[in-house]
N, C-alpha and C. Protein backbone atom coordinates (compact mmCIF):
# COMPACT_ATOMS: atom_id res chain seq x y z
N MET A 1 24.64 -14.38 16.31
CA MET A 1 23.70 -13.24 15.99
C MET A 1 22.68 -14.03 15.37
N ARG A 2 21.39 -14.07 15.41
CA ARG A 2 20.08 -14.36 15.03
C ARG A 2 20.03 -13.41 13.61
N VAL A 3 19.72 -13.97 12.45
CA VAL A 3 19.60 -13.12 11.48
C VAL A 3 18.24 -13.79 10.61
N LEU A 4 17.48 -12.50 10.12
CA LEU A 4 16.40 -12.71 9.17
C LEU A 4 16.54 -12.28 7.58
N LEU A 5 16.87 -12.91 6.69
CA LEU A 5 17.06 -12.39 5.18
C LEU A 5 15.67 -12.69 4.22
N ASN A 6 15.28 -11.97 3.73
CA ASN A 6 14.35 -11.84 2.52
C ASN A 6 15.30 -11.39 1.49
N VAL A 7 15.35 -12.38 0.56
CA VAL A 7 16.11 -12.18 -0.70
C VAL A 7 14.76 -13.05 -1.69
N PRO A 8 14.64 -12.61 -2.75
CA PRO A 8 13.63 -13.42 -3.67
C PRO A 8 14.49 -14.65 -3.89
N LYS A 9 13.79 -15.70 -4.41
CA LYS A 9 14.40 -17.03 -4.72
C LYS A 9 15.09 -17.13 -6.00
N THR A 10 13.64 -16.33 -6.91
CA THR A 10 14.15 -15.88 -8.34
C THR A 10 13.89 -14.44 -8.63
N ALA A 11 14.58 -14.04 -10.15
CA ALA A 11 14.04 -13.02 -10.59
C ALA A 11 14.35 -13.13 -12.03
N LYS A 12 13.58 -11.83 -12.87
CA LYS A 12 14.05 -12.08 -14.12
C LYS A 12 15.31 -11.13 -14.30
N LYS A 13 15.78 -11.39 -15.17
CA LYS A 13 17.28 -10.92 -15.88
C LYS A 13 17.05 -9.27 -16.15
N GLY A 14 17.53 -8.32 -15.23
CA GLY A 14 17.72 -7.25 -15.01
C GLY A 14 16.67 -6.51 -14.17
N GLU A 15 15.81 -7.31 -13.18
CA GLU A 15 14.98 -7.03 -12.55
C GLU A 15 15.58 -6.39 -11.32
N ALA A 16 15.19 -5.43 -10.40
CA ALA A 16 15.61 -4.88 -9.31
C ALA A 16 14.59 -5.48 -8.37
N VAL A 17 15.61 -6.19 -7.61
CA VAL A 17 15.24 -6.92 -6.32
C VAL A 17 15.31 -6.46 -5.00
N GLU A 18 14.22 -6.52 -4.47
CA GLU A 18 14.62 -5.92 -2.50
C GLU A 18 15.15 -6.63 -1.87
N ILE A 19 15.87 -6.48 -1.08
CA ILE A 19 16.57 -7.23 -0.20
C ILE A 19 16.53 -6.65 1.08
N LYS A 20 16.14 -7.69 2.15
CA LYS A 20 15.85 -7.05 3.49
C LYS A 20 16.79 -7.88 4.44
N ILE A 21 17.19 -7.23 5.69
CA ILE A 21 17.93 -8.00 6.26
C ILE A 21 17.62 -7.47 8.02
N LEU A 22 17.24 -8.41 8.84
CA LEU A 22 17.29 -7.72 9.96
C LEU A 22 18.22 -8.79 10.86
N ILE A 23 19.08 -8.14 11.79
CA ILE A 23 19.83 -8.60 12.59
C ILE A 23 19.55 -8.51 14.09
N SER A 24 19.59 -9.61 14.68
CA SER A 24 19.08 -9.31 16.26
C SER A 24 20.69 -9.05 16.89
N HIS A 25 21.00 -7.83 17.41
CA HIS A 25 22.22 -7.44 18.24
C HIS A 25 21.65 -6.35 18.83
N PRO A 26 22.40 -6.10 19.86
CA PRO A 26 21.93 -5.09 21.17
C PRO A 26 22.21 -3.47 20.46
N MET A 27 23.48 -3.39 19.85
CA MET A 27 23.45 -2.08 19.62
C MET A 27 23.67 -1.16 20.55
N GLU A 28 24.32 -1.28 21.62
CA GLU A 28 24.61 -0.33 22.66
C GLU A 28 25.48 0.98 22.39
N SER A 29 25.35 1.83 22.59
CA SER A 29 25.56 3.08 22.37
C SER A 29 27.05 3.44 22.81
N GLY A 30 26.91 2.87 24.37
CA GLY A 30 28.20 3.32 25.41
C GLY A 30 27.79 4.46 25.95
N GLN A 31 26.51 4.84 26.14
CA GLN A 31 26.14 6.19 26.83
C GLN A 31 25.09 5.79 27.59
N ARG A 32 24.70 4.69 27.96
CA ARG A 32 23.42 4.31 28.86
C ARG A 32 24.19 3.57 29.98
N ARG A 33 23.34 3.74 31.14
CA ARG A 33 23.96 3.06 32.23
C ARG A 33 22.83 2.16 32.77
N ASP A 34 23.42 1.33 33.50
CA ASP A 34 22.71 0.00 33.90
C ASP A 34 22.03 0.29 35.29
N GLU A 35 21.68 -0.62 35.96
CA GLU A 35 20.65 -0.43 37.40
C GLU A 35 21.85 -0.02 38.25
N MET A 36 23.21 -0.46 38.31
CA MET A 36 24.03 0.18 39.16
C MET A 36 24.76 1.50 38.62
N GLY A 37 24.17 2.21 37.92
CA GLY A 37 24.89 3.19 37.61
C GLY A 37 26.36 3.26 36.74
N GLN A 38 26.63 1.96 36.68
CA GLN A 38 27.38 1.68 35.66
C GLN A 38 27.39 1.80 33.83
N VAL A 39 28.21 2.36 33.17
CA VAL A 39 28.21 2.66 31.93
C VAL A 39 28.33 1.20 31.30
N VAL A 40 26.91 1.36 30.39
CA VAL A 40 26.88 0.05 29.71
C VAL A 40 27.67 0.07 28.43
N PRO A 41 29.04 -0.93 28.15
CA PRO A 41 29.89 -0.79 27.24
C PRO A 41 29.52 -0.80 25.93
N ARG A 42 29.92 0.10 24.85
CA ARG A 42 29.52 0.33 23.59
C ARG A 42 29.82 -1.30 23.06
N MET A 43 28.73 -1.80 22.05
CA MET A 43 28.77 -2.72 21.06
C MET A 43 27.54 -2.41 20.10
N VAL A 44 28.18 -2.12 18.95
CA VAL A 44 27.56 -1.79 17.87
C VAL A 44 28.30 -2.28 16.68
N ILE A 45 27.59 -2.81 15.83
CA ILE A 45 27.87 -3.35 14.31
C ILE A 45 28.26 -1.87 13.59
N HIS A 46 29.64 -2.06 13.59
CA HIS A 46 29.94 -0.94 12.42
C HIS A 46 30.73 -0.99 11.15
N ASP A 47 30.34 -2.22 10.53
CA ASP A 47 30.70 -2.34 9.08
C ASP A 47 29.84 -3.47 8.72
N PHE A 48 29.02 -2.95 7.64
CA PHE A 48 28.32 -3.98 7.17
C PHE A 48 28.32 -3.76 5.47
N VAL A 49 28.51 -5.01 4.75
CA VAL A 49 29.29 -5.45 3.30
C VAL A 49 28.09 -6.38 2.69
N CYS A 50 27.23 -5.81 1.77
CA CYS A 50 26.73 -7.16 0.97
C CYS A 50 27.44 -6.95 -0.65
N THR A 51 27.64 -8.39 -0.99
CA THR A 51 28.22 -8.52 -2.39
C THR A 51 27.13 -9.63 -2.91
N TYR A 52 27.53 -9.42 -4.40
CA TYR A 52 26.57 -10.47 -5.13
C TYR A 52 27.34 -10.99 -6.51
N ASN A 53 27.31 -12.23 -6.16
CA ASN A 53 28.62 -12.90 -7.05
C ASN A 53 30.11 -12.21 -6.87
N GLY A 54 30.50 -11.97 -5.59
CA GLY A 54 31.41 -11.12 -5.37
C GLY A 54 31.60 -9.59 -5.77
N ALA A 55 30.56 -9.06 -6.33
CA ALA A 55 30.64 -7.60 -6.64
C ALA A 55 30.00 -6.87 -5.61
N GLU A 56 30.69 -5.83 -4.97
CA GLU A 56 29.97 -5.25 -3.93
C GLU A 56 28.87 -4.35 -4.45
N VAL A 57 27.96 -4.58 -3.50
CA VAL A 57 26.73 -4.18 -3.93
C VAL A 57 26.21 -2.87 -2.83
N ILE A 58 26.59 -2.84 -1.62
CA ILE A 58 26.61 -2.02 -0.72
C ILE A 58 27.51 -2.05 0.18
N ARG A 59 27.94 -0.83 1.12
CA ARG A 59 28.85 -0.99 2.23
C ARG A 59 28.30 0.00 3.17
N LEU A 60 28.02 0.00 4.17
CA LEU A 60 27.47 0.50 5.09
C LEU A 60 28.65 0.83 6.46
N ALA A 61 28.72 1.75 7.03
CA ALA A 61 29.30 2.34 8.40
C ALA A 61 28.23 2.54 9.28
N LEU A 62 27.86 2.00 10.25
CA LEU A 62 26.96 2.23 11.25
C LEU A 62 27.54 2.31 12.47
N PHE A 63 26.76 3.41 12.99
CA PHE A 63 27.23 4.33 14.21
C PHE A 63 26.17 4.17 15.44
N PRO A 64 26.58 4.27 16.60
CA PRO A 64 25.72 4.08 18.16
C PRO A 64 24.28 4.52 17.89
N ALA A 65 24.03 5.46 16.90
CA ALA A 65 22.45 5.90 16.69
C ALA A 65 21.82 4.99 16.24
N ILE A 66 22.05 3.98 15.53
CA ILE A 66 21.33 2.95 15.04
C ILE A 66 20.55 2.10 16.31
N ALA A 67 19.54 1.96 15.81
CA ALA A 67 18.80 1.15 17.12
C ALA A 67 19.27 -0.49 17.11
N ALA A 68 18.59 -0.84 18.18
CA ALA A 68 18.89 -2.46 18.26
C ALA A 68 18.23 -3.10 17.40
N ASN A 69 18.64 -4.36 17.04
CA ASN A 69 18.30 -5.26 16.09
C ASN A 69 17.98 -4.46 14.68
N PRO A 70 19.31 -3.74 13.91
CA PRO A 70 19.09 -3.00 12.85
C PRO A 70 18.04 -3.77 11.63
N PHE A 71 17.58 -2.98 10.96
CA PHE A 71 16.64 -3.70 9.61
C PHE A 71 17.23 -2.82 8.96
N LEU A 72 17.99 -3.48 7.72
CA LEU A 72 18.15 -2.62 6.58
C LEU A 72 17.67 -3.57 5.15
N ALA A 73 17.44 -2.22 4.41
CA ALA A 73 16.51 -3.00 3.07
C ALA A 73 17.01 -1.99 2.00
N PHE A 74 17.35 -2.57 0.97
CA PHE A 74 17.97 -1.86 -0.49
C PHE A 74 17.47 -2.65 -1.50
N SER A 75 18.01 -2.31 -2.88
CA SER A 75 17.70 -2.72 -3.61
C SER A 75 18.89 -3.35 -4.67
N ALA A 76 18.85 -4.21 -5.37
CA ALA A 76 20.18 -4.70 -6.53
C ALA A 76 19.17 -5.27 -7.88
N ARG A 77 20.05 -5.13 -8.84
CA ARG A 77 19.78 -5.59 -9.91
C ARG A 77 20.29 -6.90 -10.26
N ALA A 78 19.37 -7.79 -10.51
CA ALA A 78 19.38 -9.35 -10.92
C ALA A 78 19.86 -9.55 -12.27
N GLU A 79 21.27 -9.68 -12.28
CA GLU A 79 21.56 -10.04 -13.65
C GLU A 79 22.25 -11.42 -14.03
N ASP A 80 22.44 -12.15 -12.98
CA ASP A 80 22.54 -13.51 -13.23
C ASP A 80 22.48 -14.45 -12.07
N SER A 81 22.26 -15.75 -12.24
CA SER A 81 22.17 -16.47 -10.96
C SER A 81 23.34 -16.56 -9.86
N GLY A 82 23.20 -16.74 -8.59
CA GLY A 82 24.08 -16.69 -7.88
C GLY A 82 23.89 -16.46 -6.49
N ALA A 83 24.83 -15.79 -5.63
CA ALA A 83 24.63 -15.54 -4.20
C ALA A 83 24.54 -14.11 -3.81
N PHE A 84 24.10 -13.76 -3.02
CA PHE A 84 24.26 -12.48 -2.22
C PHE A 84 24.84 -12.73 -0.97
N THR A 85 25.97 -12.28 -0.73
CA THR A 85 26.90 -12.33 0.56
C THR A 85 26.76 -11.48 1.69
N PHE A 86 26.27 -11.58 2.74
CA PHE A 86 26.32 -10.37 3.93
C PHE A 86 27.23 -10.48 5.16
N THR A 87 28.04 -9.81 4.99
CA THR A 87 29.34 -10.10 6.17
C THR A 87 28.99 -8.56 7.13
N TRP A 88 29.07 -8.67 8.60
CA TRP A 88 29.28 -7.32 9.29
C TRP A 88 30.08 -8.10 10.62
N ALA A 89 30.53 -6.89 11.21
CA ALA A 89 31.80 -6.95 12.16
C ALA A 89 30.99 -5.89 13.15
N ASP A 90 31.23 -6.48 14.58
CA ASP A 90 30.69 -5.54 15.84
C ASP A 90 32.35 -5.29 16.41
N ASP A 91 31.97 -4.20 17.47
CA ASP A 91 32.93 -3.60 18.18
C ASP A 91 33.79 -4.82 18.93
N SER A 92 33.18 -5.93 19.53
CA SER A 92 33.77 -6.97 20.02
C SER A 92 34.88 -7.96 19.09
N GLY A 93 34.98 -7.57 17.82
CA GLY A 93 35.69 -8.36 16.81
C GLY A 93 34.87 -9.42 16.47
N ALA A 94 33.76 -9.63 16.87
CA ALA A 94 33.01 -10.72 15.93
C ALA A 94 32.44 -10.09 14.61
N SER A 95 32.32 -11.35 13.65
CA SER A 95 31.83 -11.20 12.52
C SER A 95 30.98 -12.30 12.04
N GLN A 96 30.17 -11.66 11.25
CA GLN A 96 29.32 -13.13 10.46
C GLN A 96 29.04 -12.86 9.11
N THR A 97 28.73 -14.25 8.26
CA THR A 97 28.36 -13.71 6.95
C THR A 97 27.25 -14.90 7.05
N GLU A 98 26.45 -14.21 6.22
CA GLU A 98 25.33 -15.02 5.66
C GLU A 98 25.23 -14.92 4.23
N THR A 99 24.46 -16.09 3.50
CA THR A 99 24.38 -16.30 2.07
C THR A 99 22.90 -16.37 1.89
N ALA A 100 22.25 -15.84 0.74
CA ALA A 100 21.08 -16.11 -0.17
C ALA A 100 21.39 -16.21 -1.46
N LEU A 101 20.74 -17.59 -2.09
CA LEU A 101 21.01 -17.63 -3.48
C LEU A 101 19.86 -17.05 -3.97
N ILE A 102 20.00 -16.80 -5.37
CA ILE A 102 18.74 -16.41 -6.38
C ILE A 102 19.30 -17.21 -7.68
N VAL A 103 18.00 -17.41 -8.10
CA VAL A 103 17.96 -17.90 -9.60
C VAL A 103 17.39 -16.71 -10.59
N VAL A 104 18.17 -16.36 -11.64
CA VAL A 104 17.59 -15.36 -12.82
C VAL A 104 17.39 -16.23 -13.74
N GLU A 105 16.15 -16.01 -14.21
CA GLU A 105 15.50 -16.42 -15.45
C GLU A 105 15.66 -15.63 -16.64
């Protein structure tokens, strides 16, 4: 899956930083039919987790109503330099992890 991450490279200690992530994924609900009238199988990202230096920042359960190529935005308080780690899993059993580093001054 192709991913676009927007995490500031630097922040001041205690500053709230905005994190944005765009995940390229079809997010098929399992309710749509193809040209032949066959049901397109459900294929959604069902679990998303972001951690900051190992501490959980946000955990989301996603459902079929989420649009294709989900865009997520949230804030986190920057306390120490380190890594934001993003992990998600879909209905096929595939999972992916991406990491973004931040330097706290």
